[in-house]
Amino acid sequence: MSTETTTETTSDLLVEETPGVLTVTFNRPHARNAMTWEMYTGLAAACDRADASDDIRVMVLQGSGEKAFVAGTDISQFATFDGPRGVEYEQQISAILSRLRAVNVPVIAAIKGYCVGGGLGIAACTDIRIASASAKFGVPIARTLGNCLSVDTLSLLSELLGRARVVDMLLRARFIEAEEAREAGFVGLVTDAVDQAVADWTTTLLGHAPLTMWSVKESMRRLSGARGQVDDHDIVERIYGSQDFHNAVEAFVSKTPYEWQGR
């Protein structure tokens, strides 16, 4: 695993690679980190980067500052929208969120402050969500923009938060607090020390078998929305046929340490 630190910086999105970890920071604190088209594109590119490198074992998403993770899409970009453009936009967002869900490595969302609209969609596509006590989650479009969510996004939110809760959140345009999100199972941990918790959980993940973690992610992705039996033969074959599995069995039997290779 590389020990170098590399950073790719634009004004609105920071992508930093430290040993084993790719960190993406949504960097528009003056706008509560509202997403521009370029930021969405940069997020998709970061997903490609995570999958292209054997050195990256964990991906972390975070917002700049304490006020927001991501407060939706920048509203100024909707000024010229019509019906067909709305369809195109929702398809584009669905494609980017699907790309995030398909990242091979575990993805952690470090959530401080508002996690709203498109930000809630992004957080829903991560694997582990750690939130500050001040975090708020919602999609208040019924009282703000009067737009809608795609069925893809609604399905995912309903799966993670519960259908009744999502309908209530949308119809009443209400936010849920961090504790309610934790009770719903959406947030794994509520803490005032988000950065330390992310660092601790990242260290834990870096010590675990990459292929096993991938198998969990891929199996859960296939199960999401499935209406029948899910074919997992390729997943099981890859895991049991891997060098890591065979070498780890030998190491376990001989009581010797083993360093995961991810293959």
Protein backbone atom coordinates (compact mmCIF):
# COMPACT_ATOMS: atom_id res chain seq x y z
CA MET A 1 0.00 0.00 0.00
CA SER A 2 1.33 3.41 -0.99
CA THR A 3 2.45 5.75 1.82
CA GLU A 4 2.21 8.89 -0.31
CA THR A 5 -0.38 11.63 0.07
CA THR A 6 -1.81 13.17 -3.07
CA THR A 7 -4.40 15.91 -3.42
CA GLU A 8 -6.52 17.01 -6.38
CA THR A 9 -8.10 20.36 -5.66
CA THR A 10 -10.76 22.41 -7.39
CA SER A 11 -12.46 25.35 -5.78
CA ASP A 12 -15.56 23.32 -4.92
CA LEU A 13 -14.37 19.73 -4.50
CA LEU A 14 -11.27 18.44 -2.73
CA VAL A 15 -10.05 14.89 -3.38
CA GLU A 16 -7.18 13.71 -1.19
CA GLU A 17 -5.51 10.32 -1.12
CA THR A 18 -3.71 9.28 2.04
CA PRO A 19 -2.44 5.74 2.68
CA GLY A 20 -5.41 3.48 2.02
CA VAL A 21 -8.03 6.25 2.07
CA LEU A 22 -9.61 8.53 -0.54
CA THR A 23 -11.31 11.55 1.06
CA VAL A 24 -13.75 13.71 -0.90
CA THR A 25 -14.67 17.08 0.61
CA PHE A 26 -17.62 19.09 -0.68
CA ASN A 27 -16.08 22.52 -0.41
CA ARG A 28 -18.68 25.29 -0.70
CA PRO A 29 -19.22 26.22 2.96
CA HIS A 30 -20.61 29.63 1.99
CA ALA A 31 -23.46 27.78 0.21
CA ARG A 32 -23.75 24.95 2.75
CA ASN A 33 -21.85 22.80 0.25
CA ALA A 34 -24.69 22.81 -2.29
CA MET A 35 -23.73 20.73 -5.31
CA THR A 36 -22.88 22.14 -8.73
CA TRP A 37 -22.90 19.98 -11.88
CA GLU A 38 -19.09 20.00 -11.77
CA MET A 39 -19.12 18.68 -8.19
CA TYR A 40 -21.42 15.82 -9.17
CA THR A 41 -19.09 15.00 -12.05
CA GLY A 42 -16.10 15.20 -9.72
CA LEU A 43 -17.77 12.82 -7.28
CA ALA A 44 -18.28 10.26 -10.05
CA ALA A 45 -14.63 10.67 -11.07
CA ALA A 46 -13.55 10.08 -7.46
CA CYS A 47 -15.55 6.84 -7.48
CA ASP A 48 -13.66 5.76 -10.61
CA ARG A 49 -10.39 6.65 -8.92
CA ALA A 50 -11.24 4.58 -5.85
CA ASP A 51 -12.00 1.53 -7.98
CA ALA A 52 -8.94 1.96 -10.19
CA SER A 53 -6.39 1.80 -7.36
CA ASP A 54 -5.53 -1.30 -5.35
CA ASP A 55 -4.07 1.04 -2.72
CA ILE A 56 -7.43 2.60 -1.83
CA ARG A 57 -9.32 0.53 0.73
CA VAL A 58 -11.80 3.11 2.13
CA MET A 59 -13.54 6.20 0.74
CA VAL A 60 -14.72 9.06 2.99
CA LEU A 61 -17.20 11.78 2.03
CA GLN A 62 -17.47 14.96 4.10
CA GLY A 63 -18.63 18.55 3.90
CA SER A 64 -16.45 21.57 4.52
CA GLY A 65 -17.22 23.33 7.80
CA GLU A 66 -19.68 22.49 10.54
CA LYS A 67 -22.95 23.72 9.03
CA ALA A 68 -23.63 21.14 6.33
CA PHE A 69 -22.66 17.87 4.72
CA VAL A 70 -24.43 18.81 1.48
CA ALA A 71 -27.50 21.07 1.36
CA GLY A 72 -28.84 19.76 -1.95
CA THR A 73 -28.18 20.93 -5.48
CA ASP A 74 -27.37 24.60 -6.09
CA ILE A 75 -30.80 26.08 -6.77
CA SER A 76 -29.49 28.66 -9.25
CA GLN A 77 -28.86 25.84 -11.70
CA PHE A 78 -32.60 25.14 -12.00
CA ALA A 79 -33.44 28.57 -13.45
CA THR A 80 -33.82 27.41 -17.07
CA PHE A 81 -35.37 24.00 -16.41
CA ASP A 82 -38.42 22.63 -18.19
CA GLY A 83 -40.03 19.18 -18.15
CA PRO A 84 -37.56 17.39 -20.45
CA ARG A 85 -34.59 18.99 -18.68
CA GLY A 86 -36.02 17.83 -15.37
CA VAL A 87 -36.17 14.25 -16.64
CA GLU A 88 -32.59 14.51 -17.88
CA TYR A 89 -31.44 15.93 -14.54
CA GLU A 90 -33.06 13.17 -12.49
CA GLN A 91 -31.55 10.55 -14.81
CA GLN A 92 -28.12 12.14 -14.42
CA ILE A 93 -28.43 12.22 -10.64
CA SER A 94 -29.63 8.60 -10.55
CA ALA A 95 -26.61 7.56 -12.63
CA ILE A 96 -24.16 9.33 -10.31
CA LEU A 97 -25.80 7.94 -7.18
CA SER A 98 -25.76 4.45 -8.71
CA ARG A 99 -22.05 4.90 -9.40
CA LEU A 100 -21.45 5.83 -5.78
CA ARG A 101 -23.35 2.79 -4.54
CA ALA A 102 -21.25 0.55 -6.79
CA VAL A 103 -17.85 1.65 -5.45
CA ASN A 104 -15.90 -1.47 -4.52
CA VAL A 105 -14.55 -0.21 -1.20
CA PRO A 106 -16.51 0.82 1.92
CA VAL A 107 -17.72 4.41 1.79
CA ILE A 108 -18.17 6.44 5.00
CA ALA A 109 -20.21 9.64 5.18
CA ALA A 110 -19.10 12.10 7.86
CA ILE A 111 -22.21 14.21 8.39
CA LYS A 112 -22.21 17.52 10.25
CA GLY A 113 -25.14 19.91 10.08
CA TYR A 114 -27.61 19.80 7.20
CA CYS A 115 -27.87 16.75 4.96
CA VAL A 116 -30.60 17.85 2.58
CA GLY A 117 -32.06 16.91 -0.80
CA GLY A 118 -29.26 15.72 -3.03
CA GLY A 119 -27.06 15.52 0.05
CA LEU A 120 -29.44 13.02 1.61
CA GLY A 121 -29.33 11.04 -1.62
CA ILE A 122 -25.52 11.01 -1.54
CA ALA A 123 -25.46 9.95 2.11
CA ALA A 124 -27.97 7.17 1.37
CA CYS A 125 -25.55 5.70 -1.17
CA THR A 126 -22.73 5.34 1.35
CA ASP A 127 -22.23 2.27 3.52
CA ILE A 128 -21.65 3.83 6.93
CA ARG A 129 -23.01 7.15 8.17
CA ILE A 130 -21.57 8.94 11.20
CA ALA A 131 -23.38 12.11 12.25
CA SER A 132 -22.98 14.98 14.65
CA ALA A 133 -25.73 15.58 17.20
CA SER A 134 -26.66 18.73 15.27
CA ALA A 135 -27.16 16.90 11.97
CA LYS A 136 -30.52 17.30 10.24
CA PHE A 137 -31.88 15.18 7.39
CA GLY A 138 -34.66 16.06 4.98
CA VAL A 139 -36.02 16.92 1.54
CA PRO A 140 -38.23 19.98 2.12
CA ILE A 141 -39.09 20.53 -1.55
CA ALA A 142 -42.86 20.63 -0.89
CA ARG A 143 -42.38 24.07 0.69
CA THR A 144 -39.30 25.29 -1.20
CA LEU A 145 -38.90 24.42 -4.90
CA GLY A 146 -41.98 22.35 -5.67
CA ASN A 147 -39.96 19.79 -7.64
CA CYS A 148 -39.89 16.02 -7.08
CA LEU A 149 -37.62 13.05 -6.48
CA SER A 150 -37.10 10.21 -8.91
CA VAL A 151 -38.57 6.83 -8.07
CA ASP A 152 -35.00 5.50 -7.80
CA THR A 153 -34.18 7.96 -5.03
CA LEU A 154 -37.52 7.46 -3.28
CA SER A 155 -37.04 3.69 -3.34
CA LEU A 156 -33.59 3.93 -1.77
CA LEU A 157 -34.68 6.37 0.94
CA SER A 158 -37.72 4.22 1.74
CA GLU A 159 -35.52 1.15 2.04
CA LEU A 160 -33.18 2.86 4.50
CA LEU A 161 -35.53 5.10 6.47
CA GLY A 162 -38.88 3.34 6.10
CA ARG A 163 -41.67 4.17 3.68
CA ALA A 164 -43.98 5.83 6.20
CA ARG A 165 -41.22 8.06 7.55
CA VAL A 166 -40.10 9.15 4.06
CA VAL A 167 -43.67 9.98 3.01
CA ASP A 168 -44.14 11.99 6.20
CA MET A 169 -40.83 13.80 5.72
CA LEU A 170 -41.72 14.74 2.14
CA LEU A 171 -45.37 15.68 2.61
CA ARG A 172 -44.75 17.77 5.74
CA ALA A 173 -41.35 18.96 4.47
CA ARG A 174 -39.92 18.16 7.87
CA PHE A 175 -36.39 17.43 8.98
CA ILE A 176 -35.45 14.53 11.19
CA GLU A 177 -32.81 14.96 13.85
CA ALA A 178 -29.69 12.83 14.19
CA GLU A 179 -31.15 10.62 16.93
CA GLU A 180 -34.25 9.79 14.90
CA ALA A 181 -32.00 8.93 11.96
CA ARG A 182 -30.00 6.65 14.24
CA GLU A 183 -33.12 4.99 15.62
CA ALA A 184 -34.27 4.36 12.05
CA GLY A 185 -30.96 2.63 11.33
CA PHE A 186 -29.87 5.25 8.79
CA VAL A 187 -27.05 6.60 10.97
CA GLY A 188 -24.64 4.19 12.63
CA LEU A 189 -23.30 6.60 15.24
CA VAL A 190 -24.19 10.03 16.62
CA THR A 191 -21.25 11.79 18.23
CA ASP A 192 -19.82 15.25 18.80
CA ALA A 193 -16.43 13.84 17.74
CA VAL A 194 -17.30 12.96 14.13
CA ASP A 195 -13.77 13.34 12.78
CA GLN A 196 -12.27 11.06 15.43
CA ALA A 197 -14.99 8.46 14.94
CA VAL A 198 -14.42 8.47 11.19
CA ALA A 199 -10.69 8.05 11.74
CA ASP A 200 -11.27 5.16 14.16
CA TRP A 201 -13.77 3.35 11.95
CA THR A 202 -11.56 3.89 8.91
CA THR A 203 -8.64 2.28 10.74
CA THR A 204 -10.85 -0.70 11.55
CA LEU A 205 -11.91 -1.10 7.92
CA LEU A 206 -8.32 -0.83 6.69
CA GLY A 207 -7.53 -3.92 8.75
CA HIS A 208 -10.31 -6.05 7.28
CA ALA A 209 -10.43 -8.28 4.18
CA PRO A 210 -11.15 -6.09 1.13
CA LEU A 211 -12.87 -8.84 -0.82
CA THR A 212 -15.12 -9.81 2.07
CA MET A 213 -16.19 -6.18 2.45
CA TRP A 214 -16.78 -5.96 -1.30
CA SER A 215 -18.94 -9.07 -1.16
CA VAL A 216 -21.14 -7.46 1.52
CA LYS A 217 -21.54 -4.29 -0.54
CA GLU A 218 -22.22 -6.09 -3.81
CA SER A 219 -24.67 -8.58 -2.28
CA MET A 220 -26.60 -5.80 -0.55
CA ARG A 221 -26.66 -3.76 -3.76
CA ARG A 222 -28.16 -6.70 -5.65
CA LEU A 223 -30.68 -7.35 -2.88
CA SER A 224 -31.85 -3.73 -2.98
CA GLY A 225 -35.12 -3.66 -4.86
CA ALA A 226 -34.86 -7.31 -5.86
CA ARG A 227 -38.19 -9.02 -6.48
CA GLY A 228 -36.91 -12.57 -6.78
CA GLN A 229 -33.92 -14.77 -6.13
CA VAL A 230 -30.57 -13.01 -6.41
CA ASP A 231 -27.75 -14.81 -8.25
CA ASP A 232 -24.63 -14.61 -6.10
CA HIS A 233 -22.60 -17.45 -7.66
CA ASP A 234 -19.99 -15.08 -9.08
CA ILE A 235 -19.57 -13.36 -5.70
CA VAL A 236 -19.14 -16.62 -3.78
CA GLU A 237 -16.80 -18.06 -6.41
CA ARG A 238 -14.62 -14.96 -6.38
CA ILE A 239 -14.28 -14.99 -2.59
CA TYR A 240 -13.59 -18.69 -2.12
CA GLY A 241 -11.27 -18.74 -5.09
CA SER A 242 -9.22 -15.77 -3.91
CA GLN A 243 -5.61 -15.79 -2.73
CA ASP A 244 -6.69 -13.94 0.40
CA PHE A 245 -9.08 -16.68 1.47
CA HIS A 246 -6.62 -19.52 0.92
CA ASN A 247 -3.69 -17.65 2.47
CA ALA A 248 -5.78 -16.51 5.44
CA VAL A 249 -6.90 -20.08 6.12
CA GLU A 250 -3.27 -21.22 6.17
CA ALA A 251 -2.29 -18.30 8.40
CA PHE A 252 -5.17 -18.97 10.79
CA VAL A 253 -4.26 -22.65 11.11
CA SER A 254 -0.58 -21.90 11.60
CA LYS A 255 -1.36 -18.97 13.92
CA THR A 256 0.70 -16.54 11.87
CA PRO A 257 -0.31 -13.00 10.91
CA TYR A 258 -1.59 -12.32 7.41
CA GLU A 259 -1.77 -9.02 5.50
CA TRP A 260 -4.75 -8.76 3.16
CA GLN A 261 -3.89 -8.29 -0.49
CA GLY A 262 -7.36 -7.76 -1.96
CA ARG A 263 -7.02 -10.55 -4.52
